[in-house]
Amino acid sequence: MNIPQAPKDGDFAHWVEEKSEALKFELGEKFPVPPTVLHSPSVHVETGKQKLEEVLLEHEEPTAEFLEELAALGDAPPLSDEELARQALEAGGGDGDASTPE
């Protein structure tokens, strides 16, 4: 009896991923979603403020409000070293605990 060789580690997962991406593209072509229906998965629709991550990573179209805020930040004077240190101490780092700044 001839037993086929098992695929190498990751080959099957890679094949499945390629097929699923191709299917997503094909379905997107057949059933386009109007842009008004799309929203960011990281922010609920009812919240209004758009974030930089949404524009850069999730390819959202920047809103006029976002562009105005970005322009205002660009025109703002640089923060002093003391202010940066104060903000760093208040932030609390990755664990969110301000008593253990990082």
PDB file of N, CA and C in Angstrom:
ATOM      1  N   MET A   1       0.841  -1.158   0.000  1.00  0.00           N
ATOM      2  CA  MET A   1       0.000   0.000   0.000  1.00  0.00           C
ATOM      3  C   MET A   1       0.899   1.238   0.000  1.00  0.00           C
ATOM      4  N   ASN A   2       0.531   2.226  -0.819  1.00  0.00           N
ATOM      5  CA  ASN A   2       1.317   3.454  -0.951  1.00  0.00           C
ATOM      6  C   ASN A   2       0.687   4.554  -0.093  1.00  0.00           C
ATOM      7  N   ILE A   3       1.379   4.991   0.946  1.00  0.00           N
ATOM      8  CA  ILE A   3       0.867   6.030   1.851  1.00  0.00           C
ATOM      9  C   ILE A   3       1.504   7.352   1.462  1.00  0.00           C
ATOM     10  N   PRO A   4       0.662   8.360   1.155  1.00  0.00           N
ATOM     11  CA  PRO A   4       1.241   9.661   0.802  1.00  0.00           C
ATOM     12  C   PRO A   4       1.950  10.276   2.000  1.00  0.00           C
ATOM     13  N   GLN A   5       2.992  11.045   1.693  1.00  0.00           N
ATOM     14  CA  GLN A   5       3.750  11.695   2.753  1.00  0.00           C
ATOM     15  C   GLN A   5       2.944  12.846   3.351  1.00  0.00           C
ATOM     16  N   ALA A   6       3.024  13.004   4.656  1.00  0.00           N
ATOM     17  CA  ALA A   6       2.321  14.091   5.338  1.00  0.00           C
ATOM     18  C   ALA A   6       2.957  15.429   4.950  1.00  0.00           C
ATOM     19  N   PRO A   7       2.154  16.478   4.836  1.00  0.00           N
ATOM     20  CA  PRO A   7       2.732  17.781   4.489  1.00  0.00           C
ATOM     21  C   PRO A   7       3.646  18.289   5.594  1.00  0.00           C
ATOM     22  N   LYS A   8       4.611  19.105   5.201  1.00  0.00           N
ATOM     23  CA  LYS A   8       5.523  19.697   6.182  1.00  0.00           C
ATOM     24  C   LYS A   8       4.748  20.650   7.091  1.00  0.00           C
ATOM     25  N   ASP A   9       5.303  20.904   8.262  1.00  0.00           N
ATOM     26  CA  ASP A   9       4.662  21.815   9.210  1.00  0.00           C
ATOM     27  C   ASP A   9       4.395  23.154   8.562  1.00  0.00           C
ATOM     28  N   GLY A  10       3.192  23.633   8.685  1.00  0.00           N
ATOM     29  CA  GLY A  10       2.848  24.957   8.195  1.00  0.00           C
ATOM     30  C   GLY A  10       2.377  24.981   6.752  1.00  0.00           C
ATOM     31  N   ASP A  11       2.641  23.929   5.964  1.00  0.00           N
ATOM     32  CA  ASP A  11       2.217  23.933   4.567  1.00  0.00           C
ATOM     33  C   ASP A  11       0.699  23.989   4.445  1.00  0.00           C
ATOM     34  N   PHE A  12       0.013  23.157   5.211  1.00  0.00           N
ATOM     35  CA  PHE A  12      -1.437  23.125   5.125  1.00  0.00           C
ATOM     36  C   PHE A  12      -2.038  24.444   5.617  1.00  0.00           C
ATOM     37  N   ALA A  13      -1.507  24.955   6.725  1.00  0.00           N
ATOM     38  CA  ALA A  13      -2.007  26.232   7.254  1.00  0.00           C
ATOM     39  C   ALA A  13      -1.780  27.352   6.244  1.00  0.00           C
ATOM     40  N   HIS A  14      -0.642  27.340   5.587  1.00  0.00           N
ATOM     41  CA  HIS A  14      -0.343  28.348   4.566  1.00  0.00           C
ATOM     42  C   HIS A  14      -1.318  28.220   3.393  1.00  0.00           C
ATOM     43  N   TRP A  15      -1.602  26.992   2.983  1.00  0.00           N
ATOM     44  CA  TRP A  15      -2.525  26.753   1.877  1.00  0.00           C
ATOM     45  C   TRP A  15      -3.926  27.248   2.233  1.00  0.00           C
ATOM     46  N   VAL A  16      -4.380  26.929   3.454  1.00  0.00           N
ATOM     47  CA  VAL A  16      -5.706  27.362   3.902  1.00  0.00           C
ATOM     48  C   VAL A  16      -5.775  28.886   3.943  1.00  0.00           C
ATOM     49  N   GLU A  17      -4.724  29.531   4.448  1.00  0.00           N
ATOM     50  CA  GLU A  17      -4.703  30.989   4.519  1.00  0.00           C
ATOM     51  C   GLU A  17      -4.780  31.609   3.121  1.00  0.00           C
ATOM     52  N   GLU A  18      -4.024  31.056   2.168  1.00  0.00           N
ATOM     53  CA  GLU A  18      -4.073  31.563   0.795  1.00  0.00           C
ATOM     54  C   GLU A  18      -5.464  31.420   0.201  1.00  0.00           C
ATOM     55  N   LYS A  19      -6.084  30.270   0.415  1.00  0.00           N
ATOM     56  CA  LYS A  19      -7.429  30.023  -0.118  1.00  0.00           C
ATOM     57  C   LYS A  19      -8.454  30.958   0.523  1.00  0.00           C
ATOM     58  N   SER A  20      -8.335  31.192   1.830  1.00  0.00           N
ATOM     59  CA  SER A  20      -9.304  32.063   2.493  1.00  0.00           C
ATOM     60  C   SER A  20      -9.147  33.511   2.029  1.00  0.00           C
ATOM     61  N   GLU A  21      -7.907  33.963   1.819  1.00  0.00           N
ATOM     62  CA  GLU A  21      -7.695  35.325   1.312  1.00  0.00           C
ATOM     63  C   GLU A  21      -8.257  35.466  -0.093  1.00  0.00           C
ATOM     64  N   ALA A  22      -8.054  34.451  -0.934  1.00  0.00           N
ATOM     65  CA  ALA A  22      -8.593  34.487  -2.293  1.00  0.00           C
ATOM     66  C   ALA A  22     -10.121  34.514  -2.266  1.00  0.00           C
ATOM     67  N   LEU A  23     -10.715  33.748  -1.358  1.00  0.00           N
ATOM     68  CA  LEU A  23     -12.167  33.725  -1.240  1.00  0.00           C
ATOM     69  C   LEU A  23     -12.699  35.062  -0.743  1.00  0.00           C
ATOM     70  N   LYS A  24     -12.016  35.673   0.244  1.00  0.00           N
ATOM     71  CA  LYS A  24     -12.436  36.995   0.725  1.00  0.00           C
ATOM     72  C   LYS A  24     -12.430  38.007  -0.413  1.00  0.00           C
ATOM     73  N   PHE A  25     -11.372  37.975  -1.228  1.00  0.00           N
ATOM     74  CA  PHE A  25     -11.266  38.905  -2.346  1.00  0.00           C
ATOM     75  C   PHE A  25     -12.393  38.658  -3.346  1.00  0.00           C
ATOM     76  N   GLU A  26     -12.627  37.379  -3.666  1.00  0.00           N
ATOM     77  CA  GLU A  26     -13.663  37.029  -4.632  1.00  0.00           C
ATOM     78  C   GLU A  26     -15.043  37.456  -4.129  1.00  0.00           C
ATOM     79  N   LEU A  27     -15.327  37.189  -2.860  1.00  0.00           N
ATOM     80  CA  LEU A  27     -16.621  37.582  -2.297  1.00  0.00           C
ATOM     81  C   LEU A  27     -16.757  39.095  -2.228  1.00  0.00           C
ATOM     82  N   GLY A  28     -15.649  39.784  -1.947  1.00  0.00           N
ATOM     83  CA  GLY A  28     -15.679  41.246  -1.920  1.00  0.00           C
ATOM     84  C   GLY A  28     -15.990  41.834  -3.276  1.00  0.00           C
ATOM     85  N   GLU A  29     -15.521  41.183  -4.326  1.00  0.00           N
ATOM     86  CA  GLU A  29     -15.821  41.627  -5.690  1.00  0.00           C
ATOM     87  C   GLU A  29     -17.292  41.388  -6.021  1.00  0.00           C
ATOM     88  N   LYS A  30     -17.828  40.249  -5.591  1.00  0.00           N
ATOM     89  CA  LYS A  30     -19.212  39.895  -5.914  1.00  0.00           C
ATOM     90  C   LYS A  30     -20.229  40.672  -5.074  1.00  0.00           C
ATOM     91  N   PHE A  31     -19.877  40.917  -3.812  1.00  0.00           N
ATOM     92  CA  PHE A  31     -20.813  41.553  -2.886  1.00  0.00           C
ATOM     93  C   PHE A  31     -20.149  42.743  -2.205  1.00  0.00           C
ATOM     94  N   PRO A  32     -19.951  43.841  -2.935  1.00  0.00           N
ATOM     95  CA  PRO A  32     -19.292  44.994  -2.309  1.00  0.00           C
ATOM     96  C   PRO A  32     -20.157  45.602  -1.208  1.00  0.00           C
ATOM     97  N   VAL A  33     -19.496  46.078  -0.171  1.00  0.00           N
ATOM     98  CA  VAL A  33     -20.182  46.702   0.960  1.00  0.00           C
ATOM     99  C   VAL A  33     -20.041  48.213   0.805  1.00  0.00           C
ATOM    100  N   PRO A  34     -21.145  48.941   0.870  1.00  0.00           N
ATOM    101  CA  PRO A  34     -21.036  50.401   0.762  1.00  0.00           C
ATOM    102  C   PRO A  34     -20.166  50.951   1.881  1.00  0.00           C
ATOM    103  N   PRO A  35     -19.342  51.988   1.598  1.00  0.00           N
ATOM    104  CA  PRO A  35     -18.441  52.531   2.620  1.00  0.00           C
ATOM    105  C   PRO A  35     -19.155  53.022   3.866  1.00  0.00           C
ATOM    106  N   THR A  36     -20.422  53.413   3.748  1.00  0.00           N
ATOM    107  CA  THR A  36     -21.138  53.900   4.923  1.00  0.00           C
ATOM    108  C   THR A  36     -21.419  52.783   5.910  1.00  0.00           C
ATOM    109  N   VAL A  37     -21.405  51.535   5.462  1.00  0.00           N
ATOM    110  CA  VAL A  37     -21.676  50.407   6.349  1.00  0.00           C
ATOM    111  C   VAL A  37     -20.421  50.018   7.117  1.00  0.00           C
ATOM    112  N   LEU A  38     -19.246  50.256   6.535  1.00  0.00           N
ATOM    113  CA  LEU A  38     -17.991  49.863   7.166  1.00  0.00           C
ATOM    114  C   LEU A  38     -17.679  50.765   8.353  1.00  0.00           C
ATOM    115  N   HIS A  39     -17.118  50.186   9.379  1.00  0.00           N
ATOM    116  CA  HIS A  39     -16.661  50.954  10.524  1.00  0.00           C
ATOM    117  C   HIS A  39     -15.497  50.226  11.162  1.00  0.00           C
ATOM    118  N   SER A  40     -14.803  50.918  11.980  1.00  0.00           N
ATOM    119  CA  SER A  40     -13.618  50.351  12.621  1.00  0.00           C
ATOM    120  C   SER A  40     -14.026  49.337  13.689  1.00  0.00           C
ATOM    121  N   PRO A  41     -13.374  48.162  13.716  1.00  0.00           N
ATOM    122  CA  PRO A  41     -13.701  47.197  14.766  1.00  0.00           C
ATOM    123  C   PRO A  41     -13.188  47.612  16.137  1.00  0.00           C
ATOM    124  N   SER A  42     -12.248  48.569  16.176  1.00  0.00           N
ATOM    125  CA  SER A  42     -11.672  48.950  17.463  1.00  0.00           C
ATOM    126  C   SER A  42     -12.458  50.062  18.155  1.00  0.00           C
ATOM    127  N   VAL A  43     -13.345  50.729  17.441  1.00  0.00           N
ATOM    128  CA  VAL A  43     -14.145  51.801  18.043  1.00  0.00           C
ATOM    129  C   VAL A  43     -15.595  51.572  17.668  1.00  0.00           C
ATOM    130  N   HIS A  44     -16.477  51.638  18.656  1.00  0.00           N
ATOM    131  CA  HIS A  44     -17.893  51.465  18.387  1.00  0.00           C
ATOM    132  C   HIS A  44     -18.405  52.607  17.523  1.00  0.00           C
ATOM    133  N   VAL A  45     -19.419  52.332  16.725  1.00  0.00           N
ATOM    134  CA  VAL A  45     -19.950  53.312  15.793  1.00  0.00           C
ATOM    135  C   VAL A  45     -20.423  54.567  16.515  1.00  0.00           C
ATOM    136  N   GLU A  46     -20.960  54.401  17.718  1.00  0.00           N
ATOM    137  CA  GLU A  46     -21.511  55.564  18.414  1.00  0.00           C
ATOM    138  C   GLU A  46     -20.455  56.520  18.964  1.00  0.00           C
ATOM    139  N   THR A  47     -19.186  56.106  19.015  1.00  0.00           N
ATOM    140  CA  THR A  47     -18.145  57.027  19.449  1.00  0.00           C
ATOM    141  C   THR A  47     -17.663  57.820  18.257  1.00  0.00           C
ATOM    142  N   GLY A  48     -17.386  59.110  18.460  1.00  0.00           N
ATOM    143  CA  GLY A  48     -17.121  59.979  17.339  1.00  0.00           C
ATOM    144  C   GLY A  48     -15.673  60.207  16.993  1.00  0.00           C
ATOM    145  N   LYS A  49     -14.759  60.137  17.937  1.00  0.00           N
ATOM    146  CA  LYS A  49     -13.371  60.514  17.660  1.00  0.00           C
ATOM    147  C   LYS A  49     -12.636  59.417  16.912  1.00  0.00           C
ATOM    148  N   GLN A  50     -12.085  59.811  15.786  1.00  0.00           N
ATOM    149  CA  GLN A  50     -11.299  58.887  14.980  1.00  0.00           C
ATOM    150  C   GLN A  50      -9.861  58.899  15.479  1.00  0.00           C
ATOM    151  N   LYS A  51      -9.196  57.744  15.437  1.00  0.00           N
ATOM    152  CA  LYS A  51      -7.833  57.639  15.931  1.00  0.00           C
ATOM    153  C   LYS A  51      -6.867  57.447  14.767  1.00  0.00           C
ATOM    154  N   LEU A  52      -5.608  57.794  15.000  1.00  0.00           N
ATOM    155  CA  LEU A  52      -4.566  57.674  13.992  1.00  0.00           C
ATOM    156  C   LEU A  52      -4.417  56.223  13.521  1.00  0.00           C
ATOM    157  N   GLU A  53      -4.531  55.262  14.448  1.00  0.00           N
ATOM    158  CA  GLU A  53      -4.404  53.852  14.092  1.00  0.00           C
ATOM    159  C   GLU A  53      -5.473  53.442  13.084  1.00  0.00           C
ATOM    160  N   GLU A  54      -6.674  53.977  13.247  1.00  0.00           N
ATOM    161  CA  GLU A  54      -7.760  53.637  12.335  1.00  0.00           C
ATOM    162  C   GLU A  54      -7.471  54.126  10.922  1.00  0.00           C
ATOM    163  N   VAL A  55      -6.880  55.308  10.813  1.00  0.00           N
ATOM    164  CA  VAL A  55      -6.578  55.874   9.502  1.00  0.00           C
ATOM    165  C   VAL A  55      -5.408  55.134   8.860  1.00  0.00           C
ATOM    166  N   LEU A  56      -4.350  54.895   9.640  1.00  0.00           N
ATOM    167  CA  LEU A  56      -3.155  54.274   9.080  1.00  0.00           C
ATOM    168  C   LEU A  56      -3.267  52.764   8.925  1.00  0.00           C
ATOM    169  N   LEU A  57      -3.738  52.079   9.957  1.00  0.00           N
ATOM    170  CA  LEU A  57      -3.732  50.619   9.947  1.00  0.00           C
ATOM    171  C   LEU A  57      -5.012  50.005   9.393  1.00  0.00           C
ATOM    172  N   GLU A  58      -6.125  50.663   9.613  1.00  0.00           N
ATOM    173  CA  GLU A  58      -7.405  50.095   9.184  1.00  0.00           C
ATOM    174  C   GLU A  58      -7.920  50.759   7.906  1.00  0.00           C
ATOM    175  N   HIS A  59      -7.117  51.657   7.352  1.00  0.00           N
ATOM    176  CA  HIS A  59      -7.395  52.299   6.063  1.00  0.00           C
ATOM    177  C   HIS A  59      -8.728  53.033   6.033  1.00  0.00           C
ATOM    178  N   GLU A  60      -9.079  53.666   7.161  1.00  0.00           N
ATOM    179  CA  GLU A  60     -10.283  54.483   7.172  1.00  0.00           C
ATOM    180  C   GLU A  60      -9.986  55.813   6.491  1.00  0.00           C
ATOM    181  N   GLU A  61     -10.996  56.375   5.880  1.00  0.00           N
ATOM    182  CA  GLU A  61     -10.867  57.705   5.280  1.00  0.00           C
ATOM    183  C   GLU A  61     -10.853  58.723   6.425  1.00  0.00           C
ATOM    184  N   PRO A  62      -9.833  59.605   6.500  1.00  0.00           N
ATOM    185  CA  PRO A  62      -9.810  60.578   7.600  1.00  0.00           C
ATOM    186  C   PRO A  62     -10.964  61.561   7.499  1.00  0.00           C
ATOM    187  N   THR A  63     -11.581  61.825   8.640  1.00  0.00           N
ATOM    188  CA  THR A  63     -12.680  62.782   8.680  1.00  0.00           C
ATOM    189  C   THR A  63     -12.115  64.199   8.723  1.00  0.00           C
ATOM    190  N   ALA A  64     -12.961  65.174   8.436  1.00  0.00           N
ATOM    191  CA  ALA A  64     -12.542  66.577   8.488  1.00  0.00           C
ATOM    192  C   ALA A  64     -12.098  66.942   9.903  1.00  0.00           C
ATOM    193  N   GLU A  65     -12.813  66.441  10.907  1.00  0.00           N
ATOM    194  CA  GLU A  65     -12.466  66.704  12.307  1.00  0.00           C
ATOM    195  C   GLU A  65     -11.079  66.153  12.631  1.00  0.00           C
ATOM    196  N   PHE A  66     -10.777  64.939  12.138  1.00  0.00           N
ATOM    197  CA  PHE A  66      -9.479  64.322  12.370  1.00  0.00           C
ATOM    198  C   PHE A  66      -8.376  65.159  11.732  1.00  0.00           C
ATOM    199  N   LEU A  67      -8.587  65.602  10.494  1.00  0.00           N
ATOM    200  CA  LEU A  67      -7.582  66.400   9.796  1.00  0.00           C
ATOM    201  C   LEU A  67      -7.345  67.739  10.483  1.00  0.00           C
ATOM    202  N   GLU A  68      -8.415  68.353  11.002  1.00  0.00           N
ATOM    203  CA  GLU A  68      -8.262  69.616  11.739  1.00  0.00           C
ATOM    204  C   GLU A  68      -7.446  69.406  13.012  1.00  0.00           C
ATOM    205  N   GLU A  69      -7.743  68.318  13.729  1.00  0.00           N
ATOM    206  CA  GLU A  69      -7.012  68.028  14.965  1.00  0.00           C
ATOM    207  C   GLU A  69      -5.539  67.733  14.667  1.00  0.00           C
ATOM    208  N   LEU A  70      -5.276  67.029  13.587  1.00  0.00           N
ATOM    209  CA  LEU A  70      -3.912  66.729  13.188  1.00  0.00           C
ATOM    210  C   LEU A  70      -3.150  67.998  12.836  1.00  0.00           C
ATOM    211  N   ALA A  71      -3.805  68.914  12.131  1.00  0.00           N
ATOM    212  CA  ALA A  71      -3.173  70.187  11.773  1.00  0.00           C
ATOM    213  C   ALA A  71      -2.878  71.003  13.031  1.00  0.00           C
ATOM    214  N   ALA A  72      -3.801  70.996  13.995  1.00  0.00           N
ATOM    215  CA  ALA A  72      -3.596  71.735  15.236  1.00  0.00           C
ATOM    216  C   ALA A  72      -2.423  71.154  16.020  1.00  0.00           C
ATOM    217  N   LEU A  73      -2.279  69.849  16.022  1.00  0.00           N
ATOM    218  CA  LEU A  73      -1.150  69.230  16.714  1.00  0.00           C
ATOM    219  C   LEU A  73       0.168  69.591  16.028  1.00  0.00           C
ATOM    220  N   GLY A  74       0.143  69.693  14.726  1.00  0.00           N
ATOM    221  CA  GLY A  74       1.351  70.058  13.986  1.00  0.00           C
ATOM    222  C   GLY A  74       1.783  71.487  14.248  1.00  0.00           C
ATOM    223  N   ASP A  75       0.812  72.354  14.531  1.00  0.00           N
ATOM    224  CA  ASP A  75       1.104  73.760  14.799  1.00  0.00           C
ATOM    225  C   ASP A  75       1.423  74.035  16.263  1.00  0.00           C
ATOM    226  N   ALA A  76       1.208  73.071  17.133  1.00  0.00           N
ATOM    227  CA  ALA A  76       1.419  73.265  18.571  1.00  0.00           C
ATOM    228  C   ALA A  76       2.921  73.365  18.875  1.00  0.00           C
ATOM    229  N   PRO A  77       3.288  74.166  19.885  1.00  0.00           N
ATOM    230  CA  PRO A  77       4.705  74.269  20.267  1.00  0.00           C
ATOM    231  C   PRO A  77       5.168  72.958  20.903  1.00  0.00           C
ATOM    232  N   PRO A  78       6.447  72.635  20.803  1.00  0.00           N
ATOM    233  CA  PRO A  78       6.948  71.392  21.402  1.00  0.00           C
ATOM    234  C   PRO A  78       6.838  71.443  22.925  1.00  0.00           C
ATOM    235  N   LEU A  79       6.667  70.260  23.523  1.00  0.00           N
ATOM    236  CA  LEU A  79       6.556  70.174  24.978  1.00  0.00           C
ATOM    237  C   LEU A  79       7.947  70.252  25.606  1.00  0.00           C
ATOM    238  N   SER A  80       8.003  70.831  26.797  1.00  0.00           N
ATOM    239  CA  SER A  80       9.277  70.917  27.515  1.00  0.00           C
ATOM    240  C   SER A  80       9.636  69.539  28.071  1.00  0.00           C
ATOM    241  N   ASP A  81      10.899  69.377  28.420  1.00  0.00           N
ATOM    242  CA  ASP A  81      11.339  68.112  29.008  1.00  0.00           C
ATOM    243  C   ASP A  81      10.606  67.822  30.313  1.00  0.00           C
ATOM    244  N   GLU A  82      10.328  68.876  31.074  1.00  0.00           N
ATOM    245  CA  GLU A  82       9.619  68.705  32.345  1.00  0.00           C
ATOM    246  C   GLU A  82       8.195  68.197  32.102  1.00  0.00           C
ATOM    247  N   GLU A  83       7.538  68.755  31.092  1.00  0.00           N
ATOM    248  CA  GLU A  83       6.167  68.333  30.779  1.00  0.00           C
ATOM    249  C   GLU A  83       6.157  66.890  30.274  1.00  0.00           C
ATOM    250  N   LEU A  84       7.113  66.528  29.451  1.00  0.00           N
ATOM    251  CA  LEU A  84       7.207  65.145  28.968  1.00  0.00           C
ATOM    252  C   LEU A  84       7.440  64.185  30.132  1.00  0.00           C
ATOM    253  N   ALA A  85       8.300  64.557  31.066  1.00  0.00           N
ATOM    254  CA  ALA A  85       8.562  63.713  32.235  1.00  0.00           C
ATOM    255  C   ALA A  85       7.311  63.578  33.091  1.00  0.00           C
ATOM    256  N   ARG A  86       6.583  64.677  33.278  1.00  0.00           N
ATOM    257  CA  ARG A  86       5.350  64.647  34.069  1.00  0.00           C
ATOM    258  C   ARG A  86       4.326  63.713  33.431  1.00  0.00           C
ATOM    259  N   GLN A  87       4.169  63.814  32.116  1.00  0.00           N
ATOM    260  CA  GLN A  87       3.207  62.956  31.418  1.00  0.00           C
ATOM    261  C   GLN A  87       3.625  61.488  31.490  1.00  0.00           C
ATOM    262  N   ALA A  88       4.920  61.227  31.380  1.00  0.00           N
ATOM    263  CA  ALA A  88       5.410  59.848  31.461  1.00  0.00           C
ATOM    264  C   ALA A  88       5.127  59.252  32.833  1.00  0.00           C
ATOM    265  N   LEU A  89       5.302  60.041  33.887  1.00  0.00           N
ATOM    266  CA  LEU A  89       5.049  59.545  35.239  1.00  0.00           C
ATOM    267  C   LEU A  89       3.564  59.320  35.489  1.00  0.00           C
ATOM    268  N   GLU A  90       2.711  60.116  34.854  1.00  0.00           N
ATOM    269  CA  GLU A  90       1.265  59.966  35.030  1.00  0.00           C
ATOM    270  C   GLU A  90       0.707  58.791  34.234  1.00  0.00           C
ATOM    271  N   ALA A  91       1.348  58.441  33.131  1.00  0.00           N
ATOM    272  CA  ALA A  91       0.784  57.464  32.198  1.00  0.00           C
ATOM    273  C   ALA A  91       0.647  56.074  32.792  1.00  0.00           C
ATOM    274  N   GLY A  92       1.613  55.609  33.546  1.00  0.00           N
ATOM    275  CA  GLY A  92       1.500  54.298  34.173  1.00  0.00           C
ATOM    276  C   GLY A  92       2.013  53.143  33.339  1.00  0.00           C
ATOM    277  N   GLY A  93       2.382  53.370  32.108  1.00  0.00           N
ATOM    278  CA  GLY A  93       2.968  52.319  31.279  1.00  0.00           C
ATOM    279  C   GLY A  93       1.972  51.271  30.817  1.00  0.00           C
ATOM    280  N   GLY A  94       2.489  50.129  30.450  1.00  0.00           N
ATOM    281  CA  GLY A  94       1.680  49.060  29.873  1.00  0.00           C
ATOM    282  C   GLY A  94       0.662  48.458  30.800  1.00  0.00           C
ATOM    283  N   ASP A  95       0.960  48.462  32.111  1.00  0.00           N
ATOM    284  CA  ASP A  95       0.025  47.875  33.057  1.00  0.00           C
ATOM    285  C   ASP A  95      -1.038  48.857  33.543  1.00  0.00           C
ATOM    286  N   GLY A  96      -0.907  50.144  33.143  1.00  0.00           N
ATOM    287  CA  GLY A  96      -1.891  51.138  33.528  1.00  0.00           C
ATOM    288  C   GLY A  96      -1.812  51.575  34.974  1.00  0.00           C
ATOM    289  N   ASP A  97      -0.786  51.169  35.689  1.00  0.00           N
ATOM    290  CA  ASP A  97      -0.636  51.513  37.096  1.00  0.00           C
ATOM    291  C   ASP A  97       0.299  52.716  37.210  1.00  0.00           C
ATOM    292  N   ALA A  98      -0.258  53.882  37.554  1.00  0.00           N
ATOM    293  CA  ALA A  98       0.530  55.116  37.648  1.00  0.00           C
ATOM    294  C   ALA A  98       1.510  55.063  38.815  1.00  0.00           C
ATOM    295  N   SER A  99       1.322  54.155  39.764  1.00  0.00           N
ATOM    296  CA  SER A  99       2.252  54.078  40.895  1.00  0.00           C
ATOM    297  C   SER A  99       3.545  53.346  40.506  1.00  0.00           C
ATOM    298  N   THR A 100       3.545  52.684  39.349  1.00  0.00           N
ATOM    299  CA  THR A 100       4.753  52.014  38.876  1.00  0.00           C
ATOM    300  C   THR A 100       5.044  52.477  37.440  1.00  0.00           C
ATOM    301  N   PRO A 101       5.476  53.746  37.269  1.00  0.00           N
ATOM    302  CA  PRO A 101       5.743  54.236  35.910  1.00  0.00           C
ATOM    303  C   PRO A 101       6.898  53.493  35.272  1.00  0.00           C
ATOM    304  N   GLU A 102       6.877  53.458  33.957  1.00  0.00           N
ATOM    305  CA  GLU A 102       7.928  52.718  33.244  1.00  0.00           C
ATOM    306  C   GLU A 102       8.830  53.664  32.483  1.00  0.00           C
TER     307      GLU A 102
END
